[in-house]
PDB file of N, CA and C in Angstrom:
ATOM      1  N   MET A   1     -35.015 -83.774  25.637  1.00  0.00           N
ATOM      2  CA  MET A   1     -34.896 -82.561  24.870  1.00  0.00           C
ATOM      3  C   MET A   1     -34.111 -82.904  23.471  1.00  0.00           C
ATOM      4  N   LEU A   2     -34.832 -82.490  22.545  1.00  0.00           N
ATOM      5  CA  LEU A   2     -34.481 -82.741  21.084  1.00  0.00           C
ATOM      6  C   LEU A   2     -32.917 -82.250  20.812  1.00  0.00           C
ATOM      7  N   ASN A   3     -32.681 -80.996  21.312  1.00  0.00           N
ATOM      8  CA  ASN A   3     -31.370 -80.544  20.880  1.00  0.00           C
ATOM      9  C   ASN A   3     -30.239 -80.837  21.743  1.00  0.00           C
ATOM     10  N   ARG A   4     -30.423 -81.746  22.630  1.00  0.00           N
ATOM     11  CA  ARG A   4     -29.101 -82.221  23.665  1.00  0.00           C
ATOM     12  C   ARG A   4     -28.082 -82.760  22.834  1.00  0.00           C
ATOM     13  N   ILE A   5     -26.831 -82.526  23.217  1.00  0.00           N
ATOM     14  CA  ILE A   5     -25.893 -82.958  22.727  1.00  0.00           C
ATOM     15  C   ILE A   5     -25.200 -83.686  23.756  1.00  0.00           C
ATOM     16  N   VAL A   6     -24.616 -84.795  23.623  1.00  0.00           N
ATOM     17  CA  VAL A   6     -24.059 -85.694  24.434  1.00  0.00           C
ATOM     18  C   VAL A   6     -22.606 -85.974  23.946  1.00  0.00           C
ATOM     19  N   ARG A   7     -21.401 -85.819  24.813  1.00  0.00           N
ATOM     20  CA  ARG A   7     -20.124 -85.980  24.387  1.00  0.00           C
ATOM     21  C   ARG A   7     -19.535 -87.403  25.011  1.00  0.00           C
ATOM     22  N   HIS A   8     -18.823 -87.924  24.428  1.00  0.00           N
ATOM     23  CA  HIS A   8     -18.121 -89.277  25.061  1.00  0.00           C
ATOM     24  C   HIS A   8     -16.492 -88.979  24.694  1.00  0.00           C
ATOM     25  N   GLN A   9     -15.831 -89.469  25.769  1.00  0.00           N
ATOM     26  CA  GLN A   9     -14.337 -89.419  25.520  1.00  0.00           C
ATOM     27  C   GLN A   9     -13.752 -88.156  25.086  1.00  0.00           C
ATOM     28  N   SER A  10     -14.204 -87.301  25.933  1.00  0.00           N
ATOM     29  CA  SER A  10     -13.623 -86.009  25.634  1.00  0.00           C
ATOM     30  C   SER A  10     -12.491 -85.275  26.457  1.00  0.00           C
ATOM     31  N   ASP A  11     -11.627 -84.693  25.945  1.00  0.00           N
ATOM     32  CA  ASP A  11     -10.534 -83.860  26.661  1.00  0.00           C
ATOM     33  C   ASP A  11     -10.502 -82.498  26.300  1.00  0.00           C
ATOM     34  N   SER A  12      -9.446 -81.753  26.501  1.00  0.00           N
ATOM     35  CA  SER A  12      -9.475 -80.215  26.258  1.00  0.00           C
ATOM     36  C   SER A  12      -9.253 -79.995  24.727  1.00  0.00           C
ATOM     37  N   ARG A  13      -9.111 -81.142  23.866  1.00  0.00           N
ATOM     38  CA  ARG A  13      -8.856 -80.937  22.345  1.00  0.00           C
ATOM     39  C   ARG A  13      -9.935 -81.304  21.728  1.00  0.00           C
ATOM     40  N   LEU A  14     -10.595 -82.545  22.040  1.00  0.00           N
ATOM     41  CA  LEU A  14     -11.763 -83.161  21.406  1.00  0.00           C
ATOM     42  C   LEU A  14     -12.530 -84.019  22.009  1.00  0.00           C
ATOM     43  N   SER A  15     -13.536 -84.493  21.598  1.00  0.00           N
ATOM     44  CA  SER A  15     -14.472 -85.684  21.940  1.00  0.00           C
ATOM     45  C   SER A  15     -14.517 -86.673  20.872  1.00  0.00           C
ATOM     46  N   ARG A  16     -14.185 -87.986  21.193  1.00  0.00           N
ATOM     47  CA  ARG A  16     -14.202 -89.058  20.301  1.00  0.00           C
ATOM     48  C   ARG A  16     -15.530 -89.215  19.571  1.00  0.00           C
ATOM     49  N   ILE A  17     -16.671 -89.023  20.436  1.00  0.00           N
ATOM     50  CA  ILE A  17     -18.059 -89.209  20.198  1.00  0.00           C
ATOM     51  C   ILE A  17     -18.754 -87.844  20.345  1.00  0.00           C
ATOM     52  N   VAL A  18     -19.427 -87.341  19.459  1.00  0.00           N
ATOM     53  CA  VAL A  18     -20.791 -86.280  19.660  1.00  0.00           C
ATOM     54  C   VAL A  18     -22.063 -86.942  19.136  1.00  0.00           C
ATOM     55  N   ILE A  19     -23.104 -86.887  20.019  1.00  0.00           N
ATOM     56  CA  ILE A  19     -24.157 -87.585  19.718  1.00  0.00           C
ATOM     57  C   ILE A  19     -25.350 -86.220  19.746  1.00  0.00           C
ATOM     58  N   HIS A  20     -26.124 -86.094  18.536  1.00  0.00           N
ATOM     59  CA  HIS A  20     -27.028 -84.775  18.557  1.00  0.00           C
ATOM     60  C   HIS A  20     -28.278 -85.465  17.755  1.00  0.00           C
ATOM     61  N   ASN A  21     -29.400 -85.280  18.267  1.00  0.00           N
ATOM     62  CA  ASN A  21     -30.538 -85.622  17.472  1.00  0.00           C
ATOM     63  C   ASN A  21     -30.606 -87.091  16.768  1.00  0.00           C
ATOM     64  N   GLY A  22     -29.822 -88.075  17.524  1.00  0.00           N
ATOM     65  CA  GLY A  22     -29.872 -89.230  17.080  1.00  0.00           C
ATOM     66  C   GLY A  22     -28.972 -89.643  16.057  1.00  0.00           C
ATOM     67  N   ILE A  23     -27.854 -88.790  15.866  1.00  0.00           N
ATOM     68  CA  ILE A  23     -26.895 -88.990  14.986  1.00  0.00           C
ATOM     69  C   ILE A  23     -25.447 -89.002  15.778  1.00  0.00           C
ATOM     70  N   ALA A  24     -24.737 -89.932  15.504  1.00  0.00           N
ATOM     71  CA  ALA A  24     -23.546 -89.974  16.159  1.00  0.00           C
ATOM     72  C   ALA A  24     -22.465 -89.631  15.166  1.00  0.00           C
ATOM     73  N   TYR A  25     -21.364 -88.784  15.600  1.00  0.00           N
ATOM     74  CA  TYR A  25     -20.293 -88.010  14.885  1.00  0.00           C
ATOM     75  C   TYR A  25     -19.054 -88.510  15.453  1.00  0.00           C
ATOM     76  N   LEU A  26     -18.300 -89.338  14.799  1.00  0.00           N
ATOM     77  CA  LEU A  26     -17.006 -90.044  15.288  1.00  0.00           C
ATOM     78  C   LEU A  26     -15.863 -88.995  14.749  1.00  0.00           C
ATOM     79  N   ALA A  27     -14.992 -88.933  15.826  1.00  0.00           N
ATOM     80  CA  ALA A  27     -13.886 -88.235  15.541  1.00  0.00           C
ATOM     81  C   ALA A  27     -12.906 -88.771  14.630  1.00  0.00           C
ATOM     82  N   GLY A  28     -12.279 -88.214  13.709  1.00  0.00           N
ATOM     83  CA  GLY A  28     -11.043 -88.980  12.949  1.00  0.00           C
ATOM     84  C   GLY A  28     -10.097 -89.972  13.682  1.00  0.00           C
ATOM     85  N   LEU A  29     -10.051 -91.240  13.325  1.00  0.00           N
ATOM     86  CA  LEU A  29      -9.312 -92.307  14.002  1.00  0.00           C
ATOM     87  C   LEU A  29      -7.964 -92.814  13.296  1.00  0.00           C
ATOM     88  N   THR A  30      -6.872 -93.004  13.836  1.00  0.00           N
ATOM     89  CA  THR A  30      -5.798 -93.491  13.370  1.00  0.00           C
ATOM     90  C   THR A  30      -5.365 -94.797  14.094  1.00  0.00           C
ATOM     91  N   ALA A  31      -4.654 -95.484  13.448  1.00  0.00           N
ATOM     92  CA  ALA A  31      -3.948 -96.622  14.133  1.00  0.00           C
ATOM     93  C   ALA A  31      -3.016 -96.390  15.150  1.00  0.00           C
ATOM     94  N   ASP A  32      -2.839 -97.317  16.087  1.00  0.00           N
ATOM     95  CA  ASP A  32      -1.661 -97.317  17.109  1.00  0.00           C
ATOM     96  C   ASP A  32      -0.529 -97.812  16.424  1.00  0.00           C
ATOM     97  N   ASP A  33      -0.641 -98.931  15.899  1.00  0.00           N
ATOM     98  CA  ASP A  33       0.583 -99.469  15.285  1.00  0.00           C
ATOM     99  C   ASP A  33       0.846 -98.839  13.766  1.00  0.00           C
ATOM    100  N   ARG A  34       1.582 -97.799  13.811  1.00  0.00           N
ATOM    101  CA  ARG A  34       2.170 -97.031  12.689  1.00  0.00           C
ATOM    102  C   ARG A  34       3.163 -97.815  11.753  1.00  0.00           C
ATOM    103  N   SER A  35       3.593 -98.809  12.475  1.00  0.00           N
ATOM    104  CA  SER A  35       4.744 -99.687  11.502  1.00  0.00           C
ATOM    105  C   SER A  35       3.887-100.590  10.650  1.00  0.00           C
ATOM    106  N   ALA A  36       2.544-100.839  10.793  1.00  0.00           N
ATOM    107  CA  ALA A  36       1.730-101.795   9.806  1.00  0.00           C
ATOM    108  C   ALA A  36       1.329-101.252   8.453  1.00  0.00           C
ATOM    109  N   THR A  37       1.145-102.038   7.612  1.00  0.00           N
ATOM    110  CA  THR A  37       0.716-101.704   6.310  1.00  0.00           C
ATOM    111  C   THR A  37      -0.437-100.810   6.241  1.00  0.00           C
ATOM    112  N   MET A  38      -0.931-100.486   5.173  1.00  0.00           N
ATOM    113  CA  MET A  38      -2.134 -99.521   5.113  1.00  0.00           C
ATOM    114  C   MET A  38      -3.289-100.359   5.272  1.00  0.00           C
ATOM    115  N   LYS A  39      -3.212-101.705   4.686  1.00  0.00           N
ATOM    116  CA  LYS A  39      -4.390-102.619   5.065  1.00  0.00           C
ATOM    117  C   LYS A  39      -4.437-102.678   6.355  1.00  0.00           C
ATOM    118  N   ALA A  40      -3.572-103.005   7.103  1.00  0.00           N
ATOM    119  CA  ALA A  40      -3.371-103.544   8.659  1.00  0.00           C
ATOM    120  C   ALA A  40      -3.877-102.131   9.411  1.00  0.00           C
ATOM    121  N   GLN A  41      -3.271-101.061   9.101  1.00  0.00           N
ATOM    122  CA  GLN A  41      -3.768 -99.886   9.775  1.00  0.00           C
ATOM    123  C   GLN A  41      -5.141 -99.522   9.547  1.00  0.00           C
ATOM    124  N   THR A  42      -5.598 -99.839   8.351  1.00  0.00           N
ATOM    125  CA  THR A  42      -7.156 -99.519   8.207  1.00  0.00           C
ATOM    126  C   THR A  42      -8.145-100.610   9.054  1.00  0.00           C
ATOM    127  N   ALA A  43      -7.738-101.932   9.149  1.00  0.00           N
ATOM    128  CA  ALA A  43      -8.225-102.838   9.911  1.00  0.00           C
ATOM    129  C   ALA A  43      -8.374-102.229  11.391  1.00  0.00           C
ATOM    130  N   GLU A  44      -7.309-102.036  11.841  1.00  0.00           N
ATOM    131  CA  GLU A  44      -7.156-101.470  13.255  1.00  0.00           C
ATOM    132  C   GLU A  44      -8.241-100.134  13.490  1.00  0.00           C
ATOM    133  N   VAL A  45      -8.234 -99.285  12.570  1.00  0.00           N
ATOM    134  CA  VAL A  45      -8.983 -98.179  12.580  1.00  0.00           C
ATOM    135  C   VAL A  45     -10.497 -98.566  12.650  1.00  0.00           C
ATOM    136  N   LEU A  46     -10.826 -99.477  11.681  1.00  0.00           N
ATOM    137  CA  LEU A  46     -12.348 -99.971  11.703  1.00  0.00           C
ATOM    138  C   LEU A  46     -12.712-100.749  13.017  1.00  0.00           C
ATOM    139  N   LYS A  47     -11.803-101.309  13.683  1.00  0.00           N
ATOM    140  CA  LYS A  47     -12.151-101.918  14.876  1.00  0.00           C
ATOM    141  C   LYS A  47     -12.412-100.955  15.954  1.00  0.00           C
ATOM    142  N   LYS A  48     -11.629-100.012  15.997  1.00  0.00           N
ATOM    143  CA  LYS A  48     -11.748 -98.723  16.898  1.00  0.00           C
ATOM    144  C   LYS A  48     -13.222 -98.070  16.460  1.00  0.00           C
ATOM    145  N   ILE A  49     -13.536 -98.052  15.043  1.00  0.00           N
ATOM    146  CA  ILE A  49     -14.634 -97.406  14.770  1.00  0.00           C
ATOM    147  C   ILE A  49     -15.807 -98.119  15.500  1.00  0.00           C
ATOM    148  N   ASP A  50     -15.885 -99.751  15.404  1.00  0.00           N
ATOM    149  CA  ASP A  50     -16.731-100.724  15.990  1.00  0.00           C
ATOM    150  C   ASP A  50     -16.969-100.215  17.298  1.00  0.00           C
ATOM    151  N   GLU A  51     -15.868-100.175  18.192  1.00  0.00           N
ATOM    152  CA  GLU A  51     -15.806-100.001  19.629  1.00  0.00           C
ATOM    153  C   GLU A  51     -16.616 -98.837  19.761  1.00  0.00           C
ATOM    154  N   LEU A  52     -16.376 -97.546  19.148  1.00  0.00           N
ATOM    155  CA  LEU A  52     -17.028 -96.241  19.595  1.00  0.00           C
ATOM    156  C   LEU A  52     -18.191 -96.224  19.068  1.00  0.00           C
ATOM    157  N   LEU A  53     -18.870 -96.900  18.067  1.00  0.00           N
ATOM    158  CA  LEU A  53     -20.169 -97.108  17.545  1.00  0.00           C
ATOM    159  C   LEU A  53     -20.815 -97.702  18.683  1.00  0.00           C
ATOM    160  N   GLU A  54     -20.238 -98.798  19.230  1.00  0.00           N
ATOM    161  CA  GLU A  54     -20.986 -99.358  20.264  1.00  0.00           C
ATOM    162  C   GLU A  54     -21.359 -98.479  21.507  1.00  0.00           C
ATOM    163  N   VAL A  55     -20.190 -97.875  21.870  1.00  0.00           N
ATOM    164  CA  VAL A  55     -20.454 -96.690  22.900  1.00  0.00           C
ATOM    165  C   VAL A  55     -21.701 -95.719  22.688  1.00  0.00           C
ATOM    166  N   ALA A  56     -21.760 -95.518  21.383  1.00  0.00           N
ATOM    167  CA  ALA A  56     -22.685 -94.405  20.784  1.00  0.00           C
ATOM    168  C   ALA A  56     -24.074 -95.194  20.716  1.00  0.00           C
ATOM    169  N   GLY A  57     -24.093 -96.366  20.948  1.00  0.00           N
ATOM    170  CA  GLY A  57     -25.552 -97.285  20.739  1.00  0.00           C
ATOM    171  C   GLY A  57     -25.984 -97.608  19.488  1.00  0.00           C
ATOM    172  N   THR A  58     -24.895 -97.702  18.604  1.00  0.00           N
ATOM    173  CA  THR A  58     -25.273 -98.017  17.042  1.00  0.00           C
ATOM    174  C   THR A  58     -23.970 -98.939  16.705  1.00  0.00           C
ATOM    175  N   ASP A  59     -24.283 -99.161  15.311  1.00  0.00           N
ATOM    176  CA  ASP A  59     -23.284 -99.913  14.712  1.00  0.00           C
ATOM    177  C   ASP A  59     -23.111 -99.660  13.144  1.00  0.00           C
ATOM    178  N   LYS A  60     -22.097-100.432  12.485  1.00  0.00           N
ATOM    179  CA  LYS A  60     -21.576-100.013  11.382  1.00  0.00           C
ATOM    180  C   LYS A  60     -22.924-100.147  10.320  1.00  0.00           C
ATOM    181  N   SER A  61     -23.796-100.852  10.641  1.00  0.00           N
ATOM    182  CA  SER A  61     -25.179-101.118   9.756  1.00  0.00           C
ATOM    183  C   SER A  61     -25.953 -99.822   9.655  1.00  0.00           C
ATOM    184  N   HIS A  62     -25.649 -98.744  10.607  1.00  0.00           N
ATOM    185  CA  HIS A  62     -26.208 -97.297  10.456  1.00  0.00           C
ATOM    186  C   HIS A  62     -25.426 -96.340  10.032  1.00  0.00           C
ATOM    187  N   LEU A  63     -24.216 -96.698   9.480  1.00  0.00           N
ATOM    188  CA  LEU A  63     -23.508 -95.677   9.056  1.00  0.00           C
ATOM    189  C   LEU A  63     -24.100 -94.841   7.978  1.00  0.00           C
ATOM    190  N   LEU A  64     -24.008 -93.480   8.098  1.00  0.00           N
ATOM    191  CA  LEU A  64     -24.545 -92.592   7.053  1.00  0.00           C
ATOM    192  C   LEU A  64     -23.412 -91.974   6.200  1.00  0.00           C
ATOM    193  N   SER A  65     -22.362 -91.668   6.575  1.00  0.00           N
ATOM    194  CA  SER A  65     -21.289 -91.427   5.847  1.00  0.00           C
ATOM    195  C   SER A  65     -19.854 -91.740   6.339  1.00  0.00           C
ATOM    196  N   ALA A  66     -18.927 -91.631   5.347  1.00  0.00           N
ATOM    197  CA  ALA A  66     -17.465 -91.864   6.022  1.00  0.00           C
ATOM    198  C   ALA A  66     -16.606 -90.873   5.216  1.00  0.00           C
ATOM    199  N   MET A  67     -15.617 -90.609   5.842  1.00  0.00           N
ATOM    200  CA  MET A  67     -14.531 -89.689   5.200  1.00  0.00           C
ATOM    201  C   MET A  67     -13.260 -90.462   5.427  1.00  0.00           C
ATOM    202  N   VAL A  68     -12.434 -90.848   4.433  1.00  0.00           N
ATOM    203  CA  VAL A  68     -11.403 -91.604   4.555  1.00  0.00           C
ATOM    204  C   VAL A  68     -10.241 -90.552   3.875  1.00  0.00           C
ATOM    205  N   TYR A  69      -9.019 -90.496   4.825  1.00  0.00           N
ATOM    206  CA  TYR A  69      -7.875 -89.934   4.500  1.00  0.00           C
ATOM    207  C   TYR A  69      -6.826 -90.839   4.351  1.00  0.00           C
ATOM    208  N   VAL A  70      -6.216 -90.745   3.141  1.00  0.00           N
ATOM    209  CA  VAL A  70      -4.833 -91.813   2.893  1.00  0.00           C
ATOM    210  C   VAL A  70      -3.657 -90.893   2.781  1.00  0.00           C
ATOM    211  N   SER A  71      -2.630 -91.381   3.314  1.00  0.00           N
ATOM    212  CA  SER A  71      -1.300 -90.822   2.980  1.00  0.00           C
ATOM    213  C   SER A  71      -0.862 -90.681   1.484  1.00  0.00           C
ATOM    214  N   ASP A  72      -1.273 -91.785   0.864  1.00  0.00           N
ATOM    215  CA  ASP A  72      -0.707 -92.009  -0.558  1.00  0.00           C
ATOM    216  C   ASP A  72      -1.626 -92.906  -1.274  1.00  0.00           C
ATOM    217  N   MET A  73      -2.173 -92.159  -2.336  1.00  0.00           N
ATOM    218  CA  MET A  73      -3.294 -92.884  -3.101  1.00  0.00           C
ATOM    219  C   MET A  73      -3.044 -94.077  -3.545  1.00  0.00           C
ATOM    220  N   ARG A  74      -1.654 -94.149  -3.674  1.00  0.00           N
ATOM    221  CA  ARG A  74      -1.306 -95.455  -4.450  1.00  0.00           C
ATOM    222  C   ARG A  74      -1.434 -96.759  -3.544  1.00  0.00           C
ATOM    223  N   LEU A  75      -1.702 -96.204  -2.438  1.00  0.00           N
ATOM    224  CA  LEU A  75      -1.787 -97.393  -1.480  1.00  0.00           C
ATOM    225  C   LEU A  75      -3.568 -97.473  -0.979  1.00  0.00           C
ATOM    226  N   LYS A  76      -4.265 -96.906  -2.042  1.00  0.00           N
ATOM    227  CA  LYS A  76      -5.912 -96.860  -1.535  1.00  0.00           C
ATOM    228  C   LYS A  76      -6.353 -98.230  -1.830  1.00  0.00           C
ATOM    229  N   PRO A  77      -5.696 -98.937  -2.640  1.00  0.00           N
ATOM    230  CA  PRO A  77      -6.420-100.588  -2.792  1.00  0.00           C
ATOM    231  C   PRO A  77      -6.248-101.433  -1.488  1.00  0.00           C
ATOM    232  N   GLN A  78      -5.179-101.125  -0.931  1.00  0.00           N
ATOM    233  CA  GLN A  78      -5.073-101.850   0.499  1.00  0.00           C
ATOM    234  C   GLN A  78      -6.034-101.369   1.446  1.00  0.00           C
ATOM    235  N   MET A  79      -6.286-100.162   1.627  1.00  0.00           N
ATOM    236  CA  MET A  79      -7.430 -99.546   2.351  1.00  0.00           C
ATOM    237  C   MET A  79      -8.784-100.010   2.078  1.00  0.00           C
ATOM    238  N   ASP A  80      -9.137-100.018   0.789  1.00  0.00           N
ATOM    239  CA  ASP A  80     -10.305-100.709   0.179  1.00  0.00           C
ATOM    240  C   ASP A  80     -10.291-101.994   0.424  1.00  0.00           C
ATOM    241  N   GLU A  81      -9.511-103.105   0.460  1.00  0.00           N
ATOM    242  CA  GLU A  81      -9.462-104.334   0.816  1.00  0.00           C
ATOM    243  C   GLU A  81     -10.037-104.538   2.234  1.00  0.00           C
ATOM    244  N   ALA A  82      -9.362-103.781   3.111  1.00  0.00           N
ATOM    245  CA  ALA A  82      -9.795-103.740   4.709  1.00  0.00           C
ATOM    246  C   ALA A  82     -11.265-103.197   4.561  1.00  0.00           C
ATOM    247  N   TRP A  83     -11.653-102.035   4.237  1.00  0.00           N
ATOM    248  CA  TRP A  83     -12.786-101.675   4.154  1.00  0.00           C
ATOM    249  C   TRP A  83     -14.136-102.365   3.615  1.00  0.00           C
ATOM    250  N   ILE A  84     -13.709-103.102   2.521  1.00  0.00           N
ATOM    251  CA  ILE A  84     -14.870-104.302   1.975  1.00  0.00           C
ATOM    252  C   ILE A  84     -14.978-105.330   2.732  1.00  0.00           C
ATOM    253  N   ALA A  85     -14.006-105.800   3.513  1.00  0.00           N
ATOM    254  CA  ALA A  85     -14.070-107.032   4.342  1.00  0.00           C
ATOM    255  C   ALA A  85     -14.751-106.667   5.462  1.00  0.00           C
ATOM    256  N   TRP A  86     -14.824-105.287   5.974  1.00  0.00           N
ATOM    257  CA  TRP A  86     -15.436-104.703   7.114  1.00  0.00           C
ATOM    258  C   TRP A  86     -16.816-104.293   7.049  1.00  0.00           C
ATOM    259  N   VAL A  87     -17.166-103.413   5.804  1.00  0.00           N
ATOM    260  CA  VAL A  87     -18.237-102.685   5.889  1.00  0.00           C
ATOM    261  C   VAL A  87     -19.706-103.716   5.706  1.00  0.00           C
ATOM    262  N   ASP A  88     -20.830-103.276   6.164  1.00  0.00           N
ATOM    263  CA  ASP A  88     -21.875-104.022   5.853  1.00  0.00           C
ATOM    264  C   ASP A  88     -22.392-103.728   4.472  1.00  0.00           C
ATOM    265  N   SER A  89     -22.283-104.600   3.668  1.00  0.00           N
ATOM    266  CA  SER A  89     -22.476-104.441   2.495  1.00  0.00           C
ATOM    267  C   SER A  89     -24.025-104.372   1.950  1.00  0.00           C
ATOM    268  N   SER A  90     -24.751-104.538   2.954  1.00  0.00           N
ATOM    269  CA  SER A  90     -26.043-104.220   2.532  1.00  0.00           C
ATOM    270  C   SER A  90     -26.627-102.821   3.072  1.00  0.00           C
ATOM    271  N   ASN A  91     -25.599-101.918   3.734  1.00  0.00           N
ATOM    272  CA  ASN A  91     -26.027-100.746   4.106  1.00  0.00           C
ATOM    273  C   ASN A  91     -24.654-100.157   4.140  1.00  0.00           C
ATOM    274  N   THR A  92     -24.224 -99.798   2.914  1.00  0.00           N
ATOM    275  CA  THR A  92     -22.976 -98.820   2.726  1.00  0.00           C
ATOM    276  C   THR A  92     -23.317 -97.511   2.797  1.00  0.00           C
ATOM    277  N   PRO A  93     -22.360 -96.810   3.620  1.00  0.00           N
ATOM    278  CA  PRO A  93     -22.663 -95.355   3.683  1.00  0.00           C
ATOM    279  C   PRO A  93     -22.075 -94.543   2.389  1.00  0.00           C
ATOM    280  N   VAL A  94     -22.389 -93.349   2.210  1.00  0.00           N
ATOM    281  CA  VAL A  94     -21.501 -92.387   1.361  1.00  0.00           C
ATOM    282  C   VAL A  94     -20.233 -92.348   1.740  1.00  0.00           C
ATOM    283  N   ARG A  95     -19.399 -92.280   0.998  1.00  0.00           N
ATOM    284  CA  ARG A  95     -17.818 -92.322   1.107  1.00  0.00           C
ATOM    285  C   ARG A  95     -17.132 -91.622   0.287  1.00  0.00           C
ATOM    286  N   ALA A  96     -16.083 -90.757   1.057  1.00  0.00           N
ATOM    287  CA  ALA A  96     -15.006 -90.038   0.002  1.00  0.00           C
ATOM    288  C   ALA A  96     -13.637 -90.425   0.629  1.00  0.00           C
ATOM    289  N   CYS A  97     -12.891 -90.613  -0.334  1.00  0.00           N
ATOM    290  CA  CYS A  97     -11.391 -90.823   0.018  1.00  0.00           C
ATOM    291  C   CYS A  97     -10.425 -89.890  -0.519  1.00  0.00           C
ATOM    292  N   VAL A  98      -9.643 -89.130   0.202  1.00  0.00           N
ATOM    293  CA  VAL A  98      -8.719 -88.184  -0.453  1.00  0.00           C
ATOM    294  C   VAL A  98      -7.335 -88.450   0.330  1.00  0.00           C
ATOM    295  N   GLU A  99      -6.519 -88.047  -0.170  1.00  0.00           N
ATOM    296  CA  GLU A  99      -4.955 -88.084  -0.274  1.00  0.00           C
ATOM    297  C   GLU A  99      -4.716 -86.770   0.476  1.00  0.00           C
ATOM    298  N   ALA A 100      -3.995 -87.030   1.669  1.00  0.00           N
ATOM    299  CA  ALA A 100      -3.592 -85.958   2.596  1.00  0.00           C
ATOM    300  C   ALA A 100      -2.365 -86.482   3.451  1.00  0.00           C
ATOM    301  N   ARG A 101      -1.873 -85.095   3.741  1.00  0.00           N
ATOM    302  CA  ARG A 101      -0.818 -85.251   4.744  1.00  0.00           C
ATOM    303  C   ARG A 101      -1.353 -85.372   5.987  1.00  0.00           C
ATOM    304  N   LEU A 102      -1.030 -86.624   6.733  1.00  0.00           N
ATOM    305  CA  LEU A 102      -1.573 -86.806   8.128  1.00  0.00           C
ATOM    306  C   LEU A 102      -0.695 -86.428   9.157  1.00  0.00           C
ATOM    307  N   GLY A 103      -1.096 -86.617  10.381  1.00  0.00           N
ATOM    308  CA  GLY A 103      -0.628 -86.056  11.464  1.00  0.00           C
ATOM    309  C   GLY A 103       1.042 -86.461  11.733  1.00  0.00           C
ATOM    310  N   THR A 104       1.415 -87.642  11.475  1.00  0.00           N
ATOM    311  CA  THR A 104       2.919 -88.284  11.484  1.00  0.00           C
ATOM    312  C   THR A 104       2.844 -88.899  10.054  1.00  0.00           C
ATOM    313  N   ALA A 105       4.379 -88.940   9.662  1.00  0.00           N
ATOM    314  CA  ALA A 105       4.688 -89.596   8.759  1.00  0.00           C
ATOM    315  C   ALA A 105       4.450 -91.054   8.511  1.00  0.00           C
ATOM    316  N   ASP A 106       4.131 -91.565   9.375  1.00  0.00           N
ATOM    317  CA  ASP A 106       3.830 -93.177   9.346  1.00  0.00           C
ATOM    318  C   ASP A 106       2.417 -93.530   9.465  1.00  0.00           C
ATOM    319  N   THR A 107       1.533 -92.511   9.729  1.00  0.00           N
ATOM    320  CA  THR A 107       0.377 -92.618   9.925  1.00  0.00           C
ATOM    321  C   THR A 107      -0.359 -92.651   8.335  1.00  0.00           C
ATOM    322  N   LEU A 108      -0.893 -93.816   7.983  1.00  0.00           N
ATOM    323  CA  LEU A 108      -1.070 -94.052   6.542  1.00  0.00           C
ATOM    324  C   LEU A 108      -2.604 -93.806   6.214  1.00  0.00           C
ATOM    325  N   VAL A 109      -3.550 -93.836   7.281  1.00  0.00           N
ATOM    326  CA  VAL A 109      -4.983 -93.444   7.071  1.00  0.00           C
ATOM    327  C   VAL A 109      -5.382 -93.084   8.314  1.00  0.00           C
ATOM    328  N   GLU A 110      -6.446 -92.466   8.016  1.00  0.00           N
ATOM    329  CA  GLU A 110      -7.431 -91.650   9.004  1.00  0.00           C
ATOM    330  C   GLU A 110      -8.784 -91.751   8.534  1.00  0.00           C
ATOM    331  N   ILE A 111      -9.784 -92.267   9.342  1.00  0.00           N
ATOM    332  CA  ILE A 111     -11.205 -92.322   8.923  1.00  0.00           C
ATOM    333  C   ILE A 111     -12.265 -91.516  10.184  1.00  0.00           C
ATOM    334  N   MET A 112     -13.047 -90.893   9.524  1.00  0.00           N
ATOM    335  CA  MET A 112     -14.100 -90.415  10.181  1.00  0.00           C
ATOM    336  C   MET A 112     -15.424 -90.836   9.647  1.00  0.00           C
ATOM    337  N   VAL A 113     -16.322 -90.957  10.727  1.00  0.00           N
ATOM    338  CA  VAL A 113     -17.466 -91.699  10.256  1.00  0.00           C
ATOM    339  C   VAL A 113     -18.849 -90.887  11.049  1.00  0.00           C
ATOM    340  N   VAL A 114     -19.974 -90.901  10.397  1.00  0.00           N
ATOM    341  CA  VAL A 114     -21.125 -90.498  10.913  1.00  0.00           C
ATOM    342  C   VAL A 114     -22.184 -91.657  10.792  1.00  0.00           C
ATOM    343  N   ALA A 115     -22.931 -91.852  11.919  1.00  0.00           N
ATOM    344  CA  ALA A 115     -23.784 -92.918  11.933  1.00  0.00           C
ATOM    345  C   ALA A 115     -25.271 -92.597  12.771  1.00  0.00           C
ATOM    346  N   ALA A 116     -26.468 -93.089  12.294  1.00  0.00           N
ATOM    347  CA  ALA A 116     -27.634 -92.944  12.882  1.00  0.00           C
ATOM    348  C   ALA A 116     -27.503 -93.945  14.141  1.00  0.00           C
ATOM    349  N   GLN A 117     -28.386 -93.545  15.199  1.00  0.00           N
ATOM    350  CA  GLN A 117     -28.379 -94.443  16.310  1.00  0.00           C
ATOM    351  C   GLN A 117     -29.354 -95.365  15.969  1.00  0.00           C
TER     352      GLN A 117
END
């Protein structure tokens, strides 16, 4: 069925992955180690994204878009350093990065992605 919606890792609050019409939508992800630097938190989040994309049957080469939230735009170069080391440079997604107050004071970055299967 074309309009089938599949949800993974769901609870009463959210699903970590929602797949619809061959597109995988990932929830915003944050690092568990909130004592880490922006670069290290970003690297941890990107590892989580790889793991969830695998569950969704895809990978970072199929990314369509990314929304990056940083707690302090002055730290954005650290996020970019981790991002550039991780992203498939032949298949970069559209991306936006905005400064935002995140869920906790020590959360430095949150990333949401959308990928084709």
